[in-house]
C-alpha cells in the first residue's frame, strides 16, 4: 500500500513539474519577446513557479496537512538557493 502511494506521489510530482515548466517557459518566451529583460523575466516567473508548485505539490502530490509557515519557509530556502544558481548561470552567458 505504501509503495503504491509513493509511486503515485512520484507521478504527481512529475506532472506538476513538467506542466509548470512548460507553462513557465512559454510565458518566459512570450514576455522576453515583447522586450522584458531575460533576468527580470526569469526572476518574476521563478517566484510564480515556486508559489504555484508549492501549493500544487502540497495539496495534490503529498496531501500535506502540516503547518503552512514552516513548510513554506523550507521550500523558499531551497528554491532561493536554486534561484541564485540559475541567476549565476544566466549571468555567465552575458
N, C-alpha and C. Protein backbone atom coordinates (compact mmCIF):
# COMPACT_ATOMS: atom_id res chain seq x y z
N UNK A 1 0.82 -1.20 0.00
CA UNK A 1 0.00 0.00 0.00
C UNK A 1 0.86 1.26 0.00
N UNK A 2 1.91 1.28 0.84
CA UNK A 2 2.80 2.44 0.91
C UNK A 2 3.55 2.62 -0.39
N UNK A 3 3.99 1.52 -1.01
CA UNK A 3 4.71 1.61 -2.28
C UNK A 3 3.83 2.19 -3.37
N UNK A 4 2.56 1.81 -3.37
CA UNK A 4 1.64 2.33 -4.37
C UNK A 4 1.43 3.83 -4.17
N UNK A 5 1.27 4.25 -2.91
CA UNK A 5 1.09 5.68 -2.62
C UNK A 5 2.33 6.47 -3.02
N UNK A 6 3.51 5.92 -2.73
CA UNK A 6 4.76 6.59 -3.11
C UNK A 6 4.87 6.68 -4.63
N UNK A 7 4.48 5.64 -5.31
CA UNK A 7 4.51 5.66 -6.78
C UNK A 7 3.62 6.76 -7.35
N UNK A 8 2.43 6.92 -6.79
CA UNK A 8 1.54 7.98 -7.26
C UNK A 8 2.07 9.36 -6.91
N UNK A 9 2.74 9.48 -5.78
CA UNK A 9 3.35 10.77 -5.43
C UNK A 9 4.43 11.14 -6.44
N UNK A 10 5.23 10.17 -6.83
CA UNK A 10 6.28 10.43 -7.82
C UNK A 10 5.67 10.86 -9.14
N UNK A 11 4.63 10.18 -9.57
CA UNK A 11 3.95 10.52 -10.82
C UNK A 11 3.36 11.93 -10.73
N UNK A 12 2.67 12.22 -9.66
CA UNK A 12 2.07 13.55 -9.49
C UNK A 12 3.12 14.65 -9.42
N UNK A 13 4.22 14.38 -8.72
CA UNK A 13 5.31 15.34 -8.63
C UNK A 13 5.86 15.63 -10.02
N UNK A 14 6.02 14.60 -10.81
CA UNK A 14 6.49 14.76 -12.18
C UNK A 14 5.52 15.57 -13.04
N UNK A 15 4.24 15.29 -12.90
CA UNK A 15 3.22 16.02 -13.65
C UNK A 15 3.25 17.50 -13.29
N UNK A 16 3.31 17.80 -12.01
CA UNK A 16 3.36 19.20 -11.56
C UNK A 16 4.61 19.88 -12.12
N UNK A 17 5.74 19.22 -12.02
CA UNK A 17 6.99 19.81 -12.50
C UNK A 17 7.00 20.03 -14.00
N UNK A 18 6.60 19.04 -14.76
CA UNK A 18 6.61 19.17 -16.22
C UNK A 18 5.61 20.22 -16.68
N UNK A 19 4.39 20.15 -16.16
CA UNK A 19 3.36 21.13 -16.56
C UNK A 19 3.78 22.55 -16.20
N UNK A 20 4.32 22.71 -15.02
CA UNK A 20 4.77 24.03 -14.58
C UNK A 20 5.87 24.56 -15.48
N UNK A 21 6.85 23.73 -15.79
CA UNK A 21 7.96 24.17 -16.63
C UNK A 21 7.51 24.51 -18.04
N UNK A 22 6.59 23.76 -18.59
CA UNK A 22 6.07 24.06 -19.92
C UNK A 22 5.38 25.42 -19.93
N UNK A 23 4.49 25.62 -18.98
CA UNK A 23 3.75 26.89 -18.91
C UNK A 23 4.69 28.06 -18.66
N UNK A 24 5.59 27.91 -17.71
CA UNK A 24 6.51 29.00 -17.38
C UNK A 24 7.46 29.30 -18.53
N UNK A 25 7.91 28.29 -19.25
CA UNK A 25 8.79 28.53 -20.40
C UNK A 25 8.06 29.28 -21.50
N UNK A 26 6.82 28.90 -21.74
CA UNK A 26 6.03 29.63 -22.75
C UNK A 26 5.84 31.08 -22.34
N UNK A 27 5.54 31.31 -21.07
CA UNK A 27 5.41 32.69 -20.57
C UNK A 27 6.73 33.44 -20.69
N UNK A 28 7.83 32.78 -20.36
CA UNK A 28 9.15 33.38 -20.48
C UNK A 28 9.43 33.80 -21.92
N UNK A 29 9.18 32.91 -22.85
CA UNK A 29 9.40 33.23 -24.27
C UNK A 29 8.52 34.41 -24.69
N UNK A 30 7.29 34.40 -24.23
CA UNK A 30 6.37 35.48 -24.60
C UNK A 30 6.78 36.83 -24.04
N UNK A 31 7.12 36.87 -22.77
CA UNK A 31 7.42 38.19 -22.19
C UNK A 31 8.80 38.70 -22.56
N UNK A 32 9.73 37.79 -22.86
CA UNK A 32 11.03 38.28 -23.34
C UNK A 32 10.92 38.74 -24.79
N UNK A 33 10.00 38.15 -25.55
CA UNK A 33 9.84 38.57 -26.95
C UNK A 33 9.21 39.96 -27.07
N UNK A 34 8.54 40.42 -26.01
CA UNK A 34 7.97 41.78 -26.06
C UNK A 34 8.90 42.80 -25.42
N UNK A 35 10.11 42.35 -25.04
CA UNK A 35 11.12 43.30 -24.62
C UNK A 35 11.52 43.28 -23.15
N UNK A 36 10.88 42.48 -22.33
CA UNK A 36 11.29 42.41 -20.93
C UNK A 36 12.64 41.69 -20.86
N UNK A 37 13.56 42.19 -20.07
CA UNK A 37 14.88 41.57 -19.94
C UNK A 37 14.78 40.15 -19.43
N UNK A 38 15.71 39.31 -19.89
CA UNK A 38 15.63 37.90 -19.54
C UNK A 38 15.87 37.63 -18.06
N UNK A 39 16.71 38.44 -17.40
CA UNK A 39 16.93 38.24 -15.96
C UNK A 39 15.68 38.61 -15.16
N UNK A 40 15.05 39.72 -15.54
CA UNK A 40 13.83 40.12 -14.85
C UNK A 40 12.71 39.12 -15.11
N UNK A 41 12.59 38.67 -16.36
CA UNK A 41 11.57 37.67 -16.70
C UNK A 41 11.79 36.39 -15.91
N UNK A 42 13.04 35.92 -15.86
CA UNK A 42 13.34 34.71 -15.11
C UNK A 42 13.03 34.89 -13.63
N UNK A 43 13.35 36.05 -13.09
CA UNK A 43 13.11 36.30 -11.67
C UNK A 43 11.62 36.31 -11.34
N UNK A 44 10.85 37.01 -12.15
CA UNK A 44 9.40 37.07 -11.91
C UNK A 44 8.75 35.71 -12.05
N UNK A 45 9.11 35.00 -13.10
CA UNK A 45 8.50 33.70 -13.33
C UNK A 45 8.99 32.65 -12.34
N UNK A 46 10.17 32.83 -11.83
CA UNK A 46 10.66 31.92 -10.81
C UNK A 46 9.79 32.00 -9.56
N UNK A 47 9.46 33.22 -9.16
CA UNK A 47 8.59 33.42 -8.00
C UNK A 47 7.23 32.79 -8.25
N UNK A 48 6.67 33.03 -9.42
CA UNK A 48 5.37 32.44 -9.78
C UNK A 48 5.46 30.92 -9.74
N UNK A 49 6.53 30.37 -10.30
CA UNK A 49 6.70 28.92 -10.33
C UNK A 49 6.85 28.32 -8.95
N UNK A 50 7.61 28.96 -8.09
CA UNK A 50 7.80 28.45 -6.73
C UNK A 50 6.48 28.43 -5.98
N UNK A 51 5.72 29.50 -6.10
CA UNK A 51 4.44 29.57 -5.39
C UNK A 51 3.47 28.53 -5.92
N UNK A 52 3.33 28.45 -7.24
CA UNK A 52 2.34 27.51 -7.78
C UNK A 52 2.72 26.06 -7.53
N UNK A 53 4.00 25.71 -7.70
CA UNK A 53 4.37 24.31 -7.46
C UNK A 53 4.29 23.95 -5.98
N UNK A 54 4.56 24.92 -5.11
CA UNK A 54 4.42 24.64 -3.68
C UNK A 54 3.00 24.21 -3.37
N UNK A 55 2.03 25.00 -3.81
CA UNK A 55 0.65 24.69 -3.46
C UNK A 55 0.13 23.45 -4.17
N UNK A 56 0.49 23.25 -5.44
CA UNK A 56 0.06 22.02 -6.12
C UNK A 56 0.67 20.79 -5.47
N UNK A 57 1.96 20.85 -5.17
CA UNK A 57 2.60 19.68 -4.56
C UNK A 57 2.12 19.46 -3.13
N UNK A 58 1.91 20.54 -2.39
CA UNK A 58 1.46 20.40 -1.00
C UNK A 58 0.10 19.72 -0.95
N UNK A 59 -0.81 20.19 -1.78
CA UNK A 59 -2.18 19.67 -1.72
C UNK A 59 -2.37 18.40 -2.55
N UNK A 60 -1.94 18.43 -3.81
CA UNK A 60 -2.27 17.34 -4.72
C UNK A 60 -1.27 16.19 -4.65
N UNK A 61 0.01 16.51 -4.66
CA UNK A 61 1.02 15.46 -4.70
C UNK A 61 1.16 14.75 -3.36
N UNK A 62 1.33 15.52 -2.29
CA UNK A 62 1.66 14.93 -1.00
C UNK A 62 0.53 14.97 0.02
N UNK A 63 -0.55 15.69 -0.26
CA UNK A 63 -1.67 15.83 0.65
C UNK A 63 -1.17 16.20 2.05
N UNK A 64 -0.27 17.18 2.08
CA UNK A 64 0.37 17.59 3.33
C UNK A 64 -0.60 18.42 4.17
N UNK A 65 -0.70 18.07 5.45
CA UNK A 65 -1.61 18.77 6.34
C UNK A 65 -0.88 19.57 7.43
N UNK A 66 0.46 19.64 7.33
CA UNK A 66 1.25 20.30 8.36
C UNK A 66 1.12 21.81 8.31
N UNK A 67 1.91 22.45 9.16
CA UNK A 67 1.88 23.90 9.26
C UNK A 67 2.40 24.53 7.97
N UNK A 68 1.66 25.49 7.48
CA UNK A 68 2.00 26.16 6.23
C UNK A 68 3.29 26.96 6.36
N UNK A 69 3.45 27.72 7.45
CA UNK A 69 4.59 28.63 7.56
C UNK A 69 5.93 27.90 7.60
N UNK A 70 6.04 26.80 8.31
CA UNK A 70 7.28 26.04 8.39
C UNK A 70 7.58 25.38 7.05
N UNK A 71 6.59 24.77 6.47
CA UNK A 71 6.76 24.09 5.19
C UNK A 71 7.14 25.08 4.10
N UNK A 72 6.44 26.21 4.04
CA UNK A 72 6.72 27.22 3.02
C UNK A 72 8.12 27.81 3.21
N UNK A 73 8.53 28.04 4.44
CA UNK A 73 9.86 28.59 4.70
C UNK A 73 10.95 27.64 4.18
N UNK A 74 10.82 26.37 4.46
CA UNK A 74 11.80 25.39 3.97
C UNK A 74 11.84 25.38 2.44
N UNK A 75 10.68 25.41 1.84
CA UNK A 75 10.55 25.39 0.39
C UNK A 75 11.21 26.62 -0.22
N UNK A 76 10.97 27.78 0.36
CA UNK A 76 11.52 29.03 -0.16
C UNK A 76 13.05 29.04 -0.02
N UNK A 77 13.57 28.53 1.08
CA UNK A 77 15.02 28.49 1.27
C UNK A 77 15.67 27.61 0.19
N UNK A 78 15.14 26.45 -0.03
CA UNK A 78 15.69 25.55 -1.05
C UNK A 78 15.62 26.19 -2.43
N UNK A 79 14.47 26.72 -2.77
CA UNK A 79 14.33 27.33 -4.10
C UNK A 79 15.07 28.66 -4.21
N UNK A 80 15.32 29.32 -3.10
CA UNK A 80 16.15 30.52 -3.13
C UNK A 80 17.57 30.20 -3.55
N UNK A 81 18.10 29.12 -3.03
CA UNK A 81 19.44 28.67 -3.42
C UNK A 81 19.45 28.31 -4.92
N UNK A 82 18.42 27.61 -5.37
CA UNK A 82 18.32 27.25 -6.79
C UNK A 82 18.21 28.49 -7.67
N UNK A 83 17.49 29.50 -7.19
CA UNK A 83 17.37 30.76 -7.95
C UNK A 83 18.74 31.40 -8.13
N UNK A 84 19.53 31.45 -7.08
CA UNK A 84 20.86 32.05 -7.18
C UNK A 84 21.73 31.28 -8.17
N UNK A 85 21.60 29.98 -8.19
CA UNK A 85 22.33 29.18 -9.17
C UNK A 85 21.88 29.53 -10.59
N UNK A 86 20.57 29.61 -10.81
CA UNK A 86 20.04 30.00 -12.13
C UNK A 86 20.54 31.37 -12.54
N UNK A 87 20.48 32.31 -11.65
CA UNK A 87 20.92 33.66 -11.94
C UNK A 87 22.42 33.68 -12.27
N UNK A 88 23.19 32.90 -11.56
CA UNK A 88 24.61 32.81 -11.85
C UNK A 88 24.90 32.23 -13.22
N UNK A 89 24.14 31.21 -13.59
CA UNK A 89 24.32 30.60 -14.91
C UNK A 89 23.94 31.58 -16.01
N UNK A 90 22.84 32.28 -15.84
CA UNK A 90 22.42 33.26 -16.84
C UNK A 90 23.44 34.39 -16.92
N UNK A 91 23.95 34.82 -15.79
CA UNK A 91 24.93 35.91 -15.75
C UNK A 91 26.21 35.54 -16.50
N UNK A 92 26.60 34.30 -16.47
CA UNK A 92 27.82 33.86 -17.14
C UNK A 92 27.63 33.82 -18.66
N UNK A 93 26.39 33.82 -19.12
CA UNK A 93 26.12 33.75 -20.56
C UNK A 93 26.13 35.13 -21.21
N UNK A 94 26.27 36.17 -20.42
CA UNK A 94 26.26 37.54 -20.96
C UNK A 94 27.54 37.85 -21.69
